[in-house]
Amino acid sequence: MTETLKRTVEGVFVKLLFHKQEMRGMQLIEFETRCIKKGEIHEIVTTSQQDAVSGDVINRVGFLGFAEMTCGGVIERGDEVFVDGRKIGAVVGFDECHYPNHYNILIAVQDTLTADELQLRIESTISFG
């Protein structure tokens, strides 16, 4: 029997974003896990820089939006990310340029994505696990 090692962190989108940038300049922080509290709102960002590691600068990004976490837990590098039940990628890391207001949670994907490309809507679900 395989035991689950941590809770799946879940949330819902409260604000959608529709733009991409090629020179954003986000920097992955050294920590590969972040504790997330229920009710916090964080920005969800996709990147095609799939092999990025802590300390790397992330330039190629697509913005999905802001999601309110509906339960607390730990999000970590490598967590699979599902939006409305569809796997879109995996957590590559965190940027804290807006912290303590919010983290940018960066998701490694094949090609950068925005809310319209995933047909997101307000209350679309997201999960990390």
N, C-alpha and C. Protein backbone atom coordinates (compact mmCIF):
# COMPACT_ATOMS: atom_id res chain seq x y z
N MET A 1 0.84 -1.18 0.00
CA MET A 1 0.00 0.00 0.00
C MET A 1 0.88 1.25 0.00
N THR A 2 0.61 2.15 -0.93
CA THR A 2 1.36 3.40 -1.00
C THR A 2 0.67 4.45 -0.16
N GLU A 3 1.42 5.07 0.72
CA GLU A 3 0.86 6.10 1.59
C GLU A 3 1.07 7.48 0.97
N THR A 4 0.05 8.30 1.00
CA THR A 4 0.18 9.67 0.53
C THR A 4 1.05 10.43 1.51
N LEU A 5 2.03 11.14 1.01
CA LEU A 5 2.99 11.82 1.87
C LEU A 5 2.56 13.23 2.26
N LYS A 6 1.62 13.79 1.52
CA LYS A 6 1.15 15.13 1.88
C LYS A 6 -0.21 15.38 1.26
N ARG A 7 -0.89 16.37 1.79
CA ARG A 7 -2.20 16.77 1.31
C ARG A 7 -2.08 17.47 -0.04
N THR A 8 -3.06 17.25 -0.89
CA THR A 8 -3.16 18.01 -2.13
C THR A 8 -3.66 19.41 -1.78
N VAL A 9 -2.94 20.43 -2.22
CA VAL A 9 -3.38 21.82 -2.00
C VAL A 9 -4.30 22.19 -3.15
N GLU A 10 -5.46 22.72 -2.80
CA GLU A 10 -6.46 23.06 -3.81
C GLU A 10 -6.83 24.53 -3.72
N GLY A 11 -7.30 25.06 -4.85
CA GLY A 11 -7.72 26.44 -4.89
C GLY A 11 -8.66 26.71 -6.04
N VAL A 12 -9.11 27.96 -6.12
CA VAL A 12 -9.98 28.40 -7.21
C VAL A 12 -9.47 29.75 -7.72
N PHE A 13 -9.61 29.96 -9.02
CA PHE A 13 -9.17 31.22 -9.62
C PHE A 13 -10.15 32.34 -9.27
N VAL A 14 -9.60 33.47 -8.84
CA VAL A 14 -10.41 34.63 -8.48
C VAL A 14 -10.17 35.81 -9.42
N LYS A 15 -9.10 35.75 -10.21
CA LYS A 15 -8.76 36.79 -11.18
C LYS A 15 -7.99 36.11 -12.30
N LEU A 16 -8.39 36.34 -13.54
CA LEU A 16 -7.74 35.72 -14.68
C LEU A 16 -6.79 36.70 -15.36
N LEU A 17 -5.72 36.17 -15.95
CA LEU A 17 -4.73 36.98 -16.66
C LEU A 17 -4.50 36.38 -18.05
N PHE A 18 -4.15 37.24 -19.01
CA PHE A 18 -4.15 36.82 -20.42
C PHE A 18 -2.91 37.25 -21.19
N HIS A 19 -1.81 37.55 -20.51
CA HIS A 19 -0.65 38.04 -21.23
C HIS A 19 0.57 37.13 -21.05
N LYS A 20 1.52 37.30 -21.98
CA LYS A 20 2.78 36.58 -21.95
C LYS A 20 3.91 37.60 -22.00
N GLN A 21 5.08 37.18 -21.49
CA GLN A 21 6.27 38.01 -21.58
C GLN A 21 7.46 37.13 -21.91
N GLU A 22 8.41 37.69 -22.63
CA GLU A 22 9.63 36.96 -23.00
C GLU A 22 10.84 37.38 -22.17
N MET A 23 10.73 38.50 -21.44
CA MET A 23 11.85 39.01 -20.64
C MET A 23 11.35 39.43 -19.26
N ARG A 24 10.63 38.57 -18.56
CA ARG A 24 9.99 38.94 -17.30
C ARG A 24 10.98 39.13 -16.16
N GLY A 25 12.01 38.31 -16.09
CA GLY A 25 13.04 38.49 -15.06
C GLY A 25 12.65 38.00 -13.67
N MET A 26 11.76 37.03 -13.57
CA MET A 26 11.47 36.43 -12.27
C MET A 26 12.65 35.57 -11.86
N GLN A 27 12.88 35.42 -10.56
CA GLN A 27 13.99 34.59 -10.10
C GLN A 27 13.47 33.54 -9.13
N LEU A 28 13.79 32.28 -9.41
CA LEU A 28 13.36 31.20 -8.53
C LEU A 28 14.12 31.31 -7.21
N ILE A 29 13.38 31.29 -6.11
CA ILE A 29 14.02 31.37 -4.80
C ILE A 29 14.71 30.05 -4.49
N GLU A 30 15.57 30.06 -3.48
CA GLU A 30 16.36 28.88 -3.16
C GLU A 30 15.53 27.75 -2.57
N PHE A 31 14.38 28.06 -1.99
CA PHE A 31 13.56 27.05 -1.33
C PHE A 31 12.66 26.34 -2.34
N GLU A 32 12.55 25.03 -2.21
CA GLU A 32 11.75 24.25 -3.15
C GLU A 32 10.38 23.88 -2.59
N THR A 33 10.08 24.34 -1.37
CA THR A 33 8.75 24.14 -0.79
C THR A 33 8.29 25.45 -0.17
N ARG A 34 6.99 25.64 -0.15
CA ARG A 34 6.38 26.78 0.53
C ARG A 34 5.12 26.27 1.23
N CYS A 35 4.95 26.69 2.48
CA CYS A 35 3.72 26.41 3.22
C CYS A 35 2.69 27.44 2.78
N ILE A 36 1.51 26.95 2.45
CA ILE A 36 0.44 27.80 1.93
C ILE A 36 -0.75 27.68 2.89
N LYS A 37 -1.30 28.82 3.29
CA LYS A 37 -2.44 28.81 4.21
C LYS A 37 -3.76 28.88 3.45
N LYS A 38 -4.77 28.27 4.03
CA LYS A 38 -6.12 28.39 3.49
C LYS A 38 -6.48 29.86 3.40
N GLY A 39 -7.04 30.26 2.28
CA GLY A 39 -7.47 31.65 2.08
C GLY A 39 -6.44 32.55 1.44
N GLU A 40 -5.17 32.13 1.39
CA GLU A 40 -4.16 32.95 0.73
C GLU A 40 -4.43 32.99 -0.77
N ILE A 41 -4.02 34.09 -1.39
CA ILE A 41 -4.16 34.24 -2.84
C ILE A 41 -2.76 34.37 -3.43
N HIS A 42 -2.47 33.52 -4.44
CA HIS A 42 -1.16 33.52 -5.09
C HIS A 42 -1.32 33.57 -6.59
N GLU A 43 -0.31 34.13 -7.26
CA GLU A 43 -0.33 34.25 -8.72
C GLU A 43 0.20 32.97 -9.35
N ILE A 44 -0.49 32.50 -10.37
CA ILE A 44 -0.12 31.26 -11.05
C ILE A 44 0.45 31.62 -12.42
N VAL A 45 1.70 31.21 -12.65
CA VAL A 45 2.44 31.61 -13.84
C VAL A 45 3.00 30.35 -14.52
N THR A 46 2.86 30.26 -15.84
CA THR A 46 3.46 29.15 -16.58
C THR A 46 4.77 29.58 -17.21
N THR A 47 5.68 28.62 -17.36
CA THR A 47 6.94 28.90 -18.04
C THR A 47 7.35 27.69 -18.87
N SER A 48 7.95 27.96 -20.01
CA SER A 48 8.48 26.89 -20.85
C SER A 48 9.93 26.55 -20.48
N GLN A 49 10.47 27.23 -19.47
CA GLN A 49 11.83 26.95 -19.00
C GLN A 49 11.75 25.77 -18.02
N GLN A 50 11.50 24.59 -18.56
CA GLN A 50 11.20 23.40 -17.77
C GLN A 50 12.36 22.90 -16.91
N ASP A 51 13.58 23.15 -17.32
CA ASP A 51 14.74 22.64 -16.59
C ASP A 51 15.31 23.64 -15.59
N ALA A 52 14.57 24.71 -15.31
CA ALA A 52 15.05 25.74 -14.39
C ALA A 52 15.23 25.15 -12.99
N VAL A 53 16.21 25.71 -12.27
CA VAL A 53 16.49 25.31 -10.89
C VAL A 53 16.57 26.55 -10.02
N SER A 54 16.60 26.34 -8.72
CA SER A 54 16.67 27.45 -7.76
C SER A 54 17.75 28.44 -8.16
N GLY A 55 17.41 29.72 -8.14
CA GLY A 55 18.34 30.78 -8.50
C GLY A 55 18.25 31.22 -9.94
N ASP A 56 17.68 30.39 -10.81
CA ASP A 56 17.58 30.75 -12.23
C ASP A 56 16.62 31.91 -12.45
N VAL A 57 16.90 32.69 -13.47
CA VAL A 57 16.01 33.77 -13.90
C VAL A 57 15.03 33.18 -14.90
N ILE A 58 13.75 33.48 -14.70
CA ILE A 58 12.69 32.99 -15.57
C ILE A 58 12.17 34.16 -16.39
N ASN A 59 12.35 34.07 -17.70
CA ASN A 59 11.93 35.15 -18.59
C ASN A 59 10.68 34.81 -19.39
N ARG A 60 10.59 33.58 -19.92
CA ARG A 60 9.46 33.19 -20.77
C ARG A 60 8.29 32.74 -19.90
N VAL A 61 7.27 33.59 -19.80
CA VAL A 61 6.14 33.29 -18.91
C VAL A 61 4.81 33.58 -19.58
N GLY A 62 3.80 32.87 -19.12
CA GLY A 62 2.40 33.12 -19.46
C GLY A 62 1.63 33.15 -18.16
N PHE A 63 0.71 34.09 -18.05
CA PHE A 63 0.01 34.29 -16.79
C PHE A 63 -1.39 33.68 -16.84
N LEU A 64 -1.70 32.85 -15.82
CA LEU A 64 -3.04 32.27 -15.71
C LEU A 64 -3.94 33.13 -14.84
N GLY A 65 -3.43 33.62 -13.73
CA GLY A 65 -4.24 34.46 -12.86
C GLY A 65 -3.88 34.26 -11.41
N PHE A 66 -4.79 34.71 -10.56
CA PHE A 66 -4.63 34.60 -9.12
C PHE A 66 -5.62 33.57 -8.60
N ALA A 67 -5.13 32.69 -7.71
CA ALA A 67 -5.97 31.64 -7.16
C ALA A 67 -5.98 31.73 -5.64
N GLU A 68 -7.18 31.60 -5.08
CA GLU A 68 -7.35 31.53 -3.63
C GLU A 68 -7.27 30.08 -3.21
N MET A 69 -6.42 29.79 -2.24
CA MET A 69 -6.26 28.42 -1.77
C MET A 69 -7.42 28.05 -0.83
N THR A 70 -8.09 26.96 -1.15
CA THR A 70 -9.25 26.55 -0.36
C THR A 70 -8.88 25.60 0.76
N CYS A 71 -7.61 25.18 0.80
CA CYS A 71 -7.09 24.43 1.94
C CYS A 71 -5.60 24.72 2.04
N GLY A 72 -5.08 24.62 3.24
CA GLY A 72 -3.67 24.84 3.45
C GLY A 72 -2.88 23.58 3.19
N GLY A 73 -1.56 23.74 3.08
CA GLY A 73 -0.67 22.60 2.88
C GLY A 73 0.67 23.07 2.40
N VAL A 74 1.41 22.16 1.80
CA VAL A 74 2.75 22.45 1.30
C VAL A 74 2.76 22.22 -0.21
N ILE A 75 3.20 23.24 -0.93
CA ILE A 75 3.42 23.11 -2.37
C ILE A 75 4.92 22.99 -2.57
N GLU A 76 5.33 22.03 -3.43
CA GLU A 76 6.76 21.84 -3.62
C GLU A 76 7.11 21.62 -5.08
N ARG A 77 8.37 21.91 -5.38
CA ARG A 77 8.90 21.68 -6.72
C ARG A 77 8.59 20.24 -7.13
N GLY A 78 8.08 20.07 -8.34
CA GLY A 78 7.76 18.74 -8.85
C GLY A 78 6.31 18.35 -8.67
N ASP A 79 5.56 19.06 -7.83
CA ASP A 79 4.12 18.76 -7.68
C ASP A 79 3.44 18.85 -9.03
N GLU A 80 2.62 17.86 -9.35
CA GLU A 80 1.81 17.94 -10.55
C GLU A 80 0.72 18.98 -10.33
N VAL A 81 0.40 19.73 -11.39
CA VAL A 81 -0.60 20.79 -11.30
C VAL A 81 -1.76 20.44 -12.23
N PHE A 82 -2.95 20.47 -11.67
CA PHE A 82 -4.18 20.19 -12.41
C PHE A 82 -5.07 21.42 -12.40
N VAL A 83 -5.60 21.78 -13.55
CA VAL A 83 -6.56 22.88 -13.66
C VAL A 83 -7.85 22.30 -14.23
N ASP A 84 -8.94 22.48 -13.49
CA ASP A 84 -10.22 21.88 -13.87
C ASP A 84 -10.06 20.40 -14.18
N GLY A 85 -9.24 19.71 -13.40
CA GLY A 85 -9.05 18.28 -13.54
C GLY A 85 -8.08 17.84 -14.61
N ARG A 86 -7.52 18.78 -15.39
CA ARG A 86 -6.56 18.46 -16.46
C ARG A 86 -5.14 18.77 -16.01
N LYS A 87 -4.24 17.81 -16.18
CA LYS A 87 -2.85 18.08 -15.83
C LYS A 87 -2.25 19.05 -16.84
N ILE A 88 -1.66 20.14 -16.30
CA ILE A 88 -1.04 21.13 -17.20
C ILE A 88 0.48 21.16 -17.10
N GLY A 89 1.04 20.64 -16.00
CA GLY A 89 2.49 20.69 -15.82
C GLY A 89 2.87 20.37 -14.40
N ALA A 90 4.04 20.87 -13.99
CA ALA A 90 4.54 20.63 -12.63
C ALA A 90 5.18 21.90 -12.09
N VAL A 91 5.12 22.05 -10.78
CA VAL A 91 5.72 23.22 -10.12
C VAL A 91 7.23 23.18 -10.36
N VAL A 92 7.76 24.30 -10.86
CA VAL A 92 9.21 24.42 -11.06
C VAL A 92 9.84 25.26 -9.95
N GLY A 93 9.03 26.07 -9.28
CA GLY A 93 9.56 26.88 -8.19
C GLY A 93 8.70 28.09 -7.89
N PHE A 94 9.29 29.01 -7.12
CA PHE A 94 8.56 30.17 -6.60
C PHE A 94 9.40 31.43 -6.81
N ASP A 95 8.72 32.51 -7.13
CA ASP A 95 9.33 33.84 -7.21
C ASP A 95 8.65 34.67 -6.13
N GLU A 96 9.43 35.44 -5.38
CA GLU A 96 8.85 36.20 -4.28
C GLU A 96 8.97 37.72 -4.46
N CYS A 97 8.98 38.18 -5.72
CA CYS A 97 9.15 39.62 -5.95
C CYS A 97 7.98 40.44 -5.38
N HIS A 98 6.81 39.83 -5.19
CA HIS A 98 5.66 40.55 -4.62
C HIS A 98 5.37 40.14 -3.17
N TYR A 99 6.18 39.23 -2.61
CA TYR A 99 5.96 38.76 -1.25
C TYR A 99 6.24 39.89 -0.27
N PRO A 100 5.45 40.09 0.78
CA PRO A 100 4.49 39.16 1.39
C PRO A 100 3.07 39.23 0.84
N ASN A 101 2.84 40.05 -0.18
CA ASN A 101 1.49 40.11 -0.75
C ASN A 101 1.10 38.76 -1.34
N HIS A 102 1.99 38.18 -2.16
CA HIS A 102 1.73 36.85 -2.74
C HIS A 102 3.01 36.29 -3.34
N TYR A 103 3.01 34.97 -3.51
CA TYR A 103 4.07 34.31 -4.28
C TYR A 103 3.63 34.21 -5.73
N ASN A 104 4.59 34.17 -6.63
CA ASN A 104 4.37 33.71 -8.00
C ASN A 104 4.73 32.23 -7.97
N ILE A 105 3.75 31.37 -8.24
CA ILE A 105 4.00 29.93 -8.30
C ILE A 105 4.20 29.59 -9.77
N LEU A 106 5.41 29.15 -10.12
CA LEU A 106 5.76 28.90 -11.52
C LEU A 106 5.56 27.44 -11.87
N ILE A 107 4.83 27.23 -12.98
CA ILE A 107 4.47 25.90 -13.45
C ILE A 107 5.22 25.64 -14.76
N ALA A 108 6.01 24.56 -14.80
CA ALA A 108 6.72 24.18 -16.02
C ALA A 108 5.74 23.51 -16.98
N VAL A 109 5.67 24.05 -18.21
CA VAL A 109 4.78 23.54 -19.25
C VAL A 109 5.57 23.46 -20.55
N GLN A 110 5.01 22.78 -21.54
CA GLN A 110 5.67 22.68 -22.85
C GLN A 110 5.79 24.06 -23.51
N ASP A 111 4.67 24.76 -23.63
CA ASP A 111 4.61 26.12 -24.18
C ASP A 111 3.85 26.98 -23.18
N THR A 112 4.30 28.23 -23.00
CA THR A 112 3.63 29.10 -22.03
C THR A 112 2.14 29.19 -22.35
N LEU A 113 1.35 29.27 -21.29
CA LEU A 113 -0.11 29.30 -21.40
C LEU A 113 -0.68 30.49 -20.65
N THR A 114 -1.83 30.97 -21.10
CA THR A 114 -2.58 32.01 -20.41
C THR A 114 -3.98 31.48 -20.12
N ALA A 115 -4.75 32.26 -19.38
CA ALA A 115 -6.10 31.83 -18.98
C ALA A 115 -6.98 31.51 -20.18
N ASP A 116 -6.90 32.31 -21.24
CA ASP A 116 -7.77 32.05 -22.39
C ASP A 116 -7.39 30.76 -23.10
N GLU A 117 -6.10 30.45 -23.16
CA GLU A 117 -5.66 29.23 -23.83
C GLU A 117 -6.11 27.96 -23.10
N LEU A 118 -6.33 28.08 -21.79
CA LEU A 118 -6.85 26.96 -21.01
C LEU A 118 -8.36 27.05 -20.80
N GLN A 119 -8.98 28.07 -21.37
CA GLN A 119 -10.42 28.31 -21.23
C GLN A 119 -10.83 28.39 -19.76
N LEU A 120 -10.01 29.10 -18.98
CA LEU A 120 -10.31 29.27 -17.57
C LEU A 120 -11.46 30.23 -17.38
N ARG A 121 -12.09 30.13 -16.25
CA ARG A 121 -13.15 31.04 -15.83
C ARG A 121 -12.96 31.30 -14.35
N ILE A 122 -13.58 32.32 -13.84
CA ILE A 122 -13.56 32.55 -12.40
C ILE A 122 -14.17 31.32 -11.73
N GLU A 123 -13.54 30.84 -10.67
CA GLU A 123 -13.90 29.62 -9.93
C GLU A 123 -13.36 28.34 -10.57
N SER A 124 -12.63 28.43 -11.70
CA SER A 124 -11.94 27.23 -12.19
C SER A 124 -11.04 26.73 -11.06
N THR A 125 -10.88 25.41 -10.98
CA THR A 125 -10.11 24.83 -9.89
C THR A 125 -8.66 24.61 -10.28
N ILE A 126 -7.79 24.61 -9.27
CA ILE A 126 -6.39 24.28 -9.45
C ILE A 126 -5.99 23.41 -8.26
N SER A 127 -5.13 22.42 -8.51
CA SER A 127 -4.63 21.60 -7.41
C SER A 127 -3.17 21.27 -7.64
N PHE A 128 -2.46 21.11 -6.51
CA PHE A 128 -1.02 20.84 -6.50
C PHE A 128 -0.79 19.59 -5.67
N GLY A 129 -0.22 18.56 -6.27
CA GLY A 129 0.00 17.35 -5.47
C GLY A 129 0.84 16.32 -6.16
